[in-house]
Amino acid sequence: MTASITFFPVDNGDMTLLTFDNDQTLLIDMHVRKAADNADDDTPDVMADLRSRLKRDAKGRMFVDGFLLSHPDKDHIGGLETHFHLGPPDEWKKDDDKILIREMWSSPVVFRRASKTHTLCDDAKAWAKEARRRVALYREKGTATIEGDRIQIMGEDEDGKTDDILAIVVKADELVTKLNRVAADTFEAGLFAPLPQGDDEELDELLAKNRSSVILRFSIRGGGIPDKCRFLTGGDAEVAIWERLWNKHGGDRADWLSYDILQAPHHCSWHSLSYDSYSDCGEDAEVCEGARSALAQIRKGAIIVASSKTIDPEDADPPSDRAKREYISIVDDAADRFLCVADVWNDEQRALQYDITSSGVTKTVKTAAKAAVAALGIGATASQARAHG
């Protein structure tokens, strides 16, 4: 089985499928617009595409091995109740044929009460209810929980609320090495955020405004060889989070943040790179060097992917053309190593996919005329594809 990362065209939203070389799948966020479910609309039918990539279990249930919700905004969880089974796995209905989530990966933010910086749409409320059900079941049964009842919490909750379930909690700076309790050495993922609540109220308020997104840096095996692709994903994390991560991990630990593929945070928003408002300051808006450094730890040939609508300098942020230009400078001023998912769909009518093999990371393309693969977005033929890492 070839490992891969697939970015679905969901406008300003995230929906990414990681397939590991043991055939396990991890979905990171989802944003299914109503128009995408309408057969008479030309909005990409991302759920039909996703379903074509998934398998069924012995009971006929289509499933993902894991589903990571980076944070509970609508553009990261929209469509959940329509397309995924929620509740005990033995209540799955063949007629509905919804997708089973074998294991949830969830930020603890979904367990908190609504506030001015934390509101939940209906799909996010449904996720939170299901997460609570699974946590309660773990408290009752421990590791005896079955597929469809399992959960891992990404980060500690405030006020010690997760202290009694630490076996299913991944703390900041720890590694995730199991998916649905399978440790197959196919990946490891370092958890950088959400960060624990501190004693600095002003800083905590600033971080809250930046959203408590899960930030993970995956190291993925390809063709049986470890660490062939490093993938950094961070939901909607903004500038204060990235600056704080650089202050913590820069220097001798900078390699922890290194990547081959970066999913540009917050749909290529300027606010992940700067404290200044671009609408107020224009080109005088200053990049935060700490945040930029955290997002600039590229490996050879690295690319940056914007999960967003087409980037137009005249449109509101996100996505931001100024951020796009900064990301292009990060990848050695190589414009073809910055890709917007919407543009790939417009050009090729397909999701953006990268395969991970023993030779490195290659971008799949639509037709033989464009070559079987293109080396990490640079447009080489298969024979020219560069080994990576």
Protein backbone atom coordinates (compact mmCIF):
# COMPACT_ATOMS: atom_id res chain seq x y z
CA MET A 1 0.00 0.00 0.00
CA THR A 2 1.31 3.45 -0.94
CA ALA A 3 1.06 6.14 1.73
CA SER A 4 -0.51 9.40 0.61
CA ILE A 5 -1.85 12.80 1.65
CA THR A 6 -4.96 14.06 -0.14
CA PHE A 7 -6.26 17.63 0.12
CA PHE A 8 -9.91 17.96 -0.90
CA PRO A 9 -11.21 21.15 -2.59
CA VAL A 10 -13.48 22.65 0.07
CA ASP A 11 -13.01 26.39 -0.52
CA ASN A 12 -11.94 28.16 2.72
CA GLY A 13 -11.93 25.07 4.91
CA ASP A 14 -9.87 21.98 5.65
CA MET A 15 -10.44 18.37 4.65
CA THR A 16 -7.35 16.19 4.39
CA LEU A 17 -6.98 12.40 4.23
CA LEU A 18 -3.80 10.68 5.36
CA THR A 19 -3.46 7.10 4.14
CA PHE A 20 -0.60 5.19 5.71
CA ASP A 21 1.25 2.31 4.09
CA ASN A 22 -0.49 -0.23 6.33
CA ASP A 23 -3.79 0.91 4.74
CA GLN A 24 -5.00 2.83 7.81
CA THR A 25 -6.70 6.17 7.18
CA LEU A 26 -6.85 9.39 9.19
CA LEU A 27 -9.19 12.20 8.15
CA ILE A 28 -8.19 15.66 9.36
CA ASP A 29 -11.21 17.99 9.52
CA MET A 30 -14.03 18.22 6.99
CA HIS A 31 -15.96 20.98 5.27
CA VAL A 32 -18.81 19.67 3.16
CA ARG A 33 -20.81 22.55 1.82
CA LYS A 34 -24.50 21.93 1.12
CA ALA A 35 -23.91 22.55 -2.57
CA ALA A 36 -21.36 19.72 -2.59
CA ASP A 37 -24.16 17.27 -1.77
CA ASN A 38 -26.35 18.59 -4.60
CA ALA A 39 -26.04 16.50 -7.75
CA ASP A 40 -27.21 19.46 -9.84
CA ASP A 41 -24.45 21.77 -8.54
CA ASP A 42 -20.89 21.82 -9.88
CA THR A 43 -19.35 22.25 -6.41
CA PRO A 44 -16.85 19.37 -5.98
CA ASP A 45 -18.52 16.27 -4.50
CA VAL A 46 -15.80 15.72 -1.93
CA MET A 47 -17.73 13.04 -0.02
CA ALA A 48 -18.08 10.86 -3.11
CA ASP A 49 -14.32 11.26 -3.60
CA LEU A 50 -13.60 10.44 0.04
CA ARG A 51 -15.86 7.38 0.02
CA SER A 52 -14.11 6.06 -3.09
CA ARG A 53 -10.88 5.97 -1.07
CA LEU A 54 -12.23 4.15 2.00
CA LYS A 55 -12.78 0.48 2.80
CA ARG A 56 -15.54 -1.46 4.56
CA ASP A 57 -15.23 -3.76 7.55
CA ALA A 58 -16.58 -7.30 7.92
CA LYS A 59 -19.99 -5.87 8.83
CA GLY A 60 -20.18 -3.81 5.66
CA ARG A 61 -19.51 -0.49 7.40
CA MET A 62 -17.40 2.08 5.58
CA PHE A 63 -14.88 3.54 8.03
CA VAL A 64 -11.96 5.80 8.75
CA ASP A 65 -9.48 4.50 11.31
CA GLY A 66 -9.25 7.98 12.79
CA PHE A 67 -10.79 11.43 12.48
CA LEU A 68 -8.88 14.42 13.86
CA LEU A 69 -10.86 17.59 14.50
CA SER A 70 -8.29 20.37 14.78
CA HIS A 71 -10.85 22.74 16.32
CA PRO A 72 -14.65 23.01 16.22
CA ASP A 73 -15.22 25.76 13.63
CA LYS A 74 -17.87 25.13 10.97
CA ASP A 75 -15.34 25.18 8.14
CA HIS A 76 -13.53 22.27 9.81
CA ILE A 77 -16.50 20.10 10.83
CA GLY A 78 -19.37 20.99 8.47
CA GLY A 79 -21.29 17.96 7.21
CA LEU A 80 -20.43 15.63 10.10
CA GLU A 81 -23.96 14.59 11.07
CA THR A 82 -24.99 14.07 7.44
CA HIS A 83 -22.11 11.80 6.50
CA PHE A 84 -20.72 10.13 9.65
CA HIS A 85 -22.22 7.67 12.10
CA LEU A 86 -22.39 9.06 15.62
CA GLY A 87 -23.33 6.94 18.63
CA PRO A 88 -22.63 3.29 19.56
CA PRO A 89 -21.18 1.35 16.63
CA ASP A 90 -23.79 -1.40 16.93
CA GLU A 91 -26.45 1.20 16.09
CA TRP A 92 -24.98 1.78 12.61
CA LYS A 93 -27.71 1.41 9.99
CA LYS A 94 -27.14 -0.13 6.58
CA ASP A 95 -29.81 2.05 4.98
CA ASP A 96 -28.05 5.24 6.14
CA ASP A 97 -24.62 3.86 5.18
CA LYS A 98 -22.77 6.55 7.09
CA ILE A 99 -19.04 6.36 7.72
CA LEU A 100 -17.90 4.86 11.03
CA ILE A 101 -15.18 6.69 12.97
CA ARG A 102 -13.14 3.97 14.63
CA GLU A 103 -11.19 6.44 16.76
CA MET A 104 -11.75 10.17 17.35
CA TRP A 105 -8.81 12.52 17.83
CA SER A 106 -10.15 15.62 19.52
CA SER A 107 -8.93 18.83 21.06
CA PRO A 108 -10.27 19.26 24.61
CA VAL A 109 -11.75 22.61 23.55
CA VAL A 110 -14.92 20.79 22.48
CA PHE A 111 -15.63 19.91 26.11
CA ARG A 112 -15.72 23.53 27.25
CA ARG A 113 -18.71 25.79 27.60
CA ALA A 114 -19.48 28.33 24.93
CA SER A 115 -17.95 31.79 25.31
CA LYS A 116 -17.31 34.83 23.15
CA THR A 117 -14.23 33.07 21.73
CA HIS A 118 -15.68 29.56 21.70
CA THR A 119 -18.99 28.82 19.99
CA LEU A 120 -20.19 25.58 18.46
CA CYS A 121 -22.21 25.00 15.30
CA ASP A 122 -24.62 22.05 15.23
CA ASP A 123 -22.03 19.68 13.73
CA ALA A 124 -19.49 20.72 16.37
CA LYS A 125 -22.06 20.13 19.10
CA ALA A 126 -22.67 16.67 17.66
CA TRP A 127 -18.91 16.00 17.70
CA ALA A 128 -18.67 17.19 21.31
CA LYS A 129 -21.58 14.94 22.34
CA GLU A 130 -19.96 11.94 20.68
CA ALA A 131 -16.58 12.75 22.24
CA ARG A 132 -18.17 12.93 25.68
CA ARG A 133 -19.91 9.59 25.07
CA ARG A 134 -16.61 7.95 24.21
CA VAL A 135 -14.77 9.48 27.16
CA ALA A 136 -17.53 8.33 29.53
CA LEU A 137 -17.30 4.84 28.05
CA TYR A 138 -13.53 4.83 28.55
CA ARG A 139 -14.01 5.83 32.17
CA GLU A 140 -16.37 2.86 32.52
CA LYS A 141 -14.55 0.21 30.49
CA GLY A 142 -10.99 1.41 30.12
CA THR A 143 -9.10 -0.21 27.26
CA ALA A 144 -11.95 -2.66 26.65
CA THR A 145 -13.67 -0.14 24.38
CA ILE A 146 -14.18 -1.36 20.81
CA GLU A 147 -13.70 0.24 17.40
CA GLY A 148 -16.26 2.98 17.03
CA ASP A 149 -16.08 3.84 20.74
CA ARG A 150 -12.43 4.93 20.96
CA ILE A 151 -10.97 8.40 21.41
CA GLN A 152 -7.62 10.12 21.92
CA ILE A 153 -7.56 13.62 23.42
CA MET A 154 -4.98 15.95 21.85
CA GLY A 155 -3.80 18.08 24.75
CA GLU A 156 -4.71 18.37 28.41
CA ASP A 157 -7.92 20.09 29.42
CA GLU A 158 -7.93 23.03 31.80
CA ASP A 159 -8.32 22.68 35.58
CA GLY A 160 -7.19 19.04 35.56
CA LYS A 161 -10.37 17.80 33.86
CA THR A 162 -8.48 15.07 32.00
CA ASP A 163 -6.22 13.98 34.87
CA ASP A 164 -8.18 10.74 35.40
CA ILE A 165 -7.97 9.64 31.74
CA LEU A 166 -4.33 10.35 30.99
CA ALA A 167 -3.97 7.02 29.18
CA ILE A 168 -5.98 8.50 26.30
CA VAL A 169 -4.53 12.03 26.55
CA VAL A 170 -1.55 13.15 24.48
CA LYS A 171 0.22 16.05 26.17
CA ALA A 172 1.96 18.87 24.34
CA ASP A 173 5.43 17.82 23.10
CA GLU A 174 4.53 14.12 23.27
CA LEU A 175 4.36 11.76 20.30
CA VAL A 176 1.30 10.06 18.87
CA THR A 177 2.38 6.65 17.59
CA LYS A 178 -0.88 4.67 17.50
CA LEU A 179 -3.99 4.99 15.36
CA ASN A 180 -7.02 3.02 16.57
CA ARG A 181 -4.60 1.38 19.02
CA VAL A 182 -2.47 -0.02 16.21
CA ALA A 183 1.25 0.68 16.55
CA ALA A 184 2.58 -0.27 13.13
CA ASP A 185 5.51 2.19 12.90
CA THR A 186 3.81 3.77 9.88
CA PHE A 187 3.99 7.24 11.40
CA GLU A 188 4.70 9.27 14.47
CA ALA A 189 3.24 12.70 15.13
CA GLY A 190 4.59 15.33 17.50
CA LEU A 191 1.87 17.34 19.25
CA PHE A 192 2.72 21.04 19.59
CA ALA A 193 -0.68 22.49 20.49
CA PRO A 194 -3.13 23.14 22.03
CA LEU A 195 -0.90 24.43 24.80
CA PRO A 196 -1.74 24.05 28.50
CA GLN A 197 -3.30 27.04 30.21
CA GLY A 198 -0.68 29.14 31.97
CA ASP A 199 -0.48 31.74 34.71
CA ASP A 200 -0.25 34.70 32.32
CA GLU A 201 -3.88 35.79 31.81
CA GLU A 202 -3.02 38.32 29.09
CA LEU A 203 -1.10 35.70 27.11
CA ASP A 204 -3.84 33.11 27.59
CA GLU A 205 -6.43 35.55 26.29
CA LEU A 206 -4.26 36.22 23.22
CA LEU A 207 -3.83 32.49 22.61
CA ALA A 208 -7.58 31.96 22.98
CA LYS A 209 -8.21 34.52 20.26
CA ASN A 210 -5.78 32.57 18.08
CA ARG A 211 -8.01 29.48 18.54
CA SER A 212 -7.01 26.32 20.37
CA SER A 213 -6.16 24.40 17.20
CA VAL A 214 -4.38 21.07 17.29
CA ILE A 215 -0.92 21.36 15.71
CA LEU A 216 0.75 18.10 14.70
CA ARG A 217 3.89 17.40 12.73
CA PHE A 218 3.68 13.93 11.20
CA SER A 219 6.66 11.84 10.17
CA ILE A 220 5.28 9.30 7.69
CA ARG A 221 6.78 6.05 6.45
CA GLY A 222 7.02 5.49 2.71
CA GLY A 223 7.74 2.14 1.06
CA GLY A 224 8.73 0.69 4.42
CA ILE A 225 11.27 3.44 5.12
CA PRO A 226 10.59 5.75 8.10
CA ASP A 227 10.43 9.53 7.87
CA LYS A 228 10.02 9.84 4.10
CA CYS A 229 7.55 12.71 4.50
CA ARG A 230 7.09 15.25 7.24
CA PHE A 231 3.69 16.95 7.23
CA LEU A 232 2.91 19.96 9.43
CA THR A 233 -0.74 20.86 9.98
CA GLY A 234 -2.17 23.40 12.40
CA GLY A 235 -5.83 24.18 11.78
CA ASP A 236 -6.45 27.89 12.25
CA ALA A 237 -3.51 28.58 14.59
CA GLU A 238 -2.46 32.19 14.25
CA VAL A 239 0.60 34.31 14.90
CA ALA A 240 0.82 34.19 18.72
CA ILE A 241 0.79 30.39 18.72
CA TRP A 242 3.49 30.08 16.08
CA GLU A 243 5.66 32.71 17.75
CA ARG A 244 5.34 30.93 21.07
CA LEU A 245 6.24 27.60 19.48
CA TRP A 246 9.37 29.13 17.96
CA ASN A 247 10.38 30.66 21.28
CA LYS A 248 10.00 27.19 22.80
CA HIS A 249 11.45 24.99 20.05
CA GLY A 250 13.74 27.26 18.03
CA GLY A 251 17.46 26.73 18.08
CA ASP A 252 18.54 23.18 18.92
CA ARG A 253 14.97 21.85 18.59
CA ALA A 254 14.02 23.62 15.36
CA ASP A 255 14.09 20.31 13.49
CA TRP A 256 10.95 19.32 15.40
CA LEU A 257 9.07 21.80 13.20
CA SER A 258 10.69 20.80 9.90
CA TYR A 259 8.49 19.63 7.07
CA ASP A 260 8.22 18.46 3.48
CA ILE A 261 4.59 19.58 3.23
CA LEU A 262 3.03 22.43 5.20
CA GLN A 263 -0.69 23.03 5.22
CA ALA A 264 -0.72 26.82 5.41
CA PRO A 265 -2.57 27.62 8.66
CA HIS A 266 -5.98 29.28 8.63
CA HIS A 267 -6.39 28.93 4.86
CA CYS A 268 -3.33 31.05 4.08
CA SER A 269 -4.34 33.86 6.42
CA TRP A 270 -2.01 36.81 6.96
CA HIS A 271 -2.85 36.59 10.67
CA SER A 272 -0.75 33.44 11.03
CA LEU A 273 2.34 35.45 10.10
CA SER A 274 1.73 38.92 11.51
CA TYR A 275 0.18 40.87 14.36
CA ASP A 276 -0.41 43.79 11.97
CA SER A 277 -3.62 44.21 10.03
CA TYR A 278 -2.88 44.15 6.32
CA SER A 279 -6.06 46.09 5.59
CA ASP A 280 -4.79 48.87 7.89
CA CYS A 281 -1.07 48.76 7.16
CA GLY A 282 -0.86 47.46 3.61
CA GLU A 283 2.66 46.54 2.53
CA ASP A 284 3.99 48.19 5.69
CA ALA A 285 2.48 45.35 7.75
CA GLU A 286 5.37 43.53 9.40
CA VAL A 287 5.95 39.80 9.50
CA CYS A 288 6.48 38.36 12.99
CA GLU A 289 9.93 36.80 12.67
CA GLY A 290 9.26 34.19 15.36
CA ALA A 291 6.06 32.97 13.70
CA ARG A 292 7.69 32.99 10.28
CA SER A 293 10.64 30.99 11.59
CA ALA A 294 8.30 28.37 13.04
CA LEU A 295 6.63 28.04 9.64
CA ALA A 296 9.86 28.13 7.63
CA GLN A 297 11.66 24.96 8.71
CA ILE A 298 11.65 23.43 5.25
CA ARG A 299 13.38 20.28 4.12
CA LYS A 300 14.84 20.07 0.62
CA GLY A 301 12.16 20.66 -2.01
CA ALA A 302 9.40 21.31 0.53
CA ILE A 303 6.03 22.63 -0.59
CA ILE A 304 3.25 24.65 1.02
CA VAL A 305 -0.42 23.90 0.36
CA ALA A 306 -3.22 26.43 0.89
CA SER A 307 -6.57 24.79 1.57
CA SER A 308 -8.57 27.78 0.41
CA LYS A 309 -10.44 29.36 -2.42
CA THR A 310 -8.39 30.84 -5.25
CA ILE A 311 -6.17 33.60 -3.88
CA ASP A 312 -7.17 37.00 -5.25
CA PRO A 313 -5.26 40.12 -4.10
CA GLU A 314 -8.54 42.06 -4.18
CA ASP A 315 -10.43 39.69 -1.86
CA ALA A 316 -10.58 39.77 1.93
CA ASP A 317 -8.25 37.67 4.05
CA PRO A 318 -8.26 34.65 4.19
CA PRO A 319 -6.73 33.69 1.89
CA SER A 320 -4.16 36.46 1.72
CA ASP A 321 -2.04 37.25 -1.31
CA ARG A 322 0.51 38.86 1.02
CA ALA A 323 0.72 35.62 3.01
CA LYS A 324 1.06 33.66 -0.24
CA ARG A 325 4.02 35.81 -1.24
CA GLU A 326 5.65 35.25 2.14
CA TYR A 327 5.17 31.48 1.87
CA ILE A 328 6.69 31.51 -1.61
CA SER A 329 9.73 33.28 -0.16
CA ILE A 330 9.94 30.51 2.46
CA VAL A 331 10.16 27.84 -0.27
CA ASP A 332 13.17 29.52 -1.87
CA ASP A 333 11.06 31.86 -4.04
CA ALA A 334 9.85 28.87 -6.10
CA ALA A 335 6.27 29.83 -6.97
CA ASP A 336 5.47 26.31 -8.20
CA ARG A 337 6.15 24.94 -4.71
CA PHE A 338 3.16 26.84 -3.35
CA LEU A 339 -0.14 25.23 -4.35
CA CYS A 340 -3.74 26.29 -3.75
CA VAL A 341 -6.15 23.34 -3.61
CA ALA A 342 -8.85 25.29 -5.45
CA ASP A 343 -6.49 25.97 -8.36
CA VAL A 344 -5.62 22.29 -8.71
CA TRP A 345 -9.33 21.47 -8.85
CA ASN A 346 -9.96 24.17 -11.45
CA ASP A 347 -7.10 22.91 -13.61
CA GLU A 348 -7.46 19.16 -13.17
CA GLN A 349 -10.90 18.45 -11.64
CA ARG A 350 -9.44 16.35 -8.84
CA ALA A 351 -8.23 16.53 -5.30
CA LEU A 352 -4.57 17.41 -4.68
CA GLN A 353 -2.71 14.22 -3.77
CA TYR A 354 0.87 13.41 -2.82
CA ASP A 355 2.13 9.83 -2.71
CA ILE A 356 4.84 8.83 -0.26
CA THR A 357 7.16 6.04 -1.37
CA SER A 358 10.68 4.83 -0.67
CA SER A 359 11.84 7.31 -3.32
CA GLY A 360 10.26 10.29 -1.60
CA VAL A 361 7.18 12.45 -2.12
CA THR A 362 5.54 12.78 -5.52
CA LYS A 363 2.49 14.70 -6.69
CA THR A 364 -0.01 12.65 -8.64
CA VAL A 365 -1.37 14.22 -11.80
CA LYS A 366 -4.45 13.67 -13.89
CA THR A 367 -3.18 12.51 -17.26
CA ALA A 368 -0.20 10.77 -18.78
CA ALA A 369 0.38 13.88 -20.86
CA LYS A 370 1.28 15.67 -17.67
CA ALA A 371 3.45 12.70 -16.60
CA ALA A 372 2.70 10.00 -14.09
CA VAL A 373 4.01 12.10 -11.23
CA ALA A 374 5.42 15.56 -10.66
CA ALA A 375 8.18 15.86 -8.14
CA LEU A 376 6.75 17.73 -5.18
CA GLY A 377 4.91 20.30 -7.26
CA ILE A 378 7.86 21.18 -9.47
CA GLY A 379 6.47 19.51 -12.59
CA ALA A 380 9.14 16.89 -13.28
CA THR A 381 8.33 13.62 -15.03
CA ALA A 382 8.44 10.35 -13.13
CA SER A 383 12.04 9.72 -14.15
CA GLN A 384 12.98 13.17 -12.86
CA ALA A 385 11.12 12.90 -9.54
CA ARG A 386 13.53 13.75 -6.78
CA ALA A 387 14.14 11.53 -3.80
CA HIS A 388 13.07 13.52 -0.81
CA GLY A 389 14.24 13.89 2.77
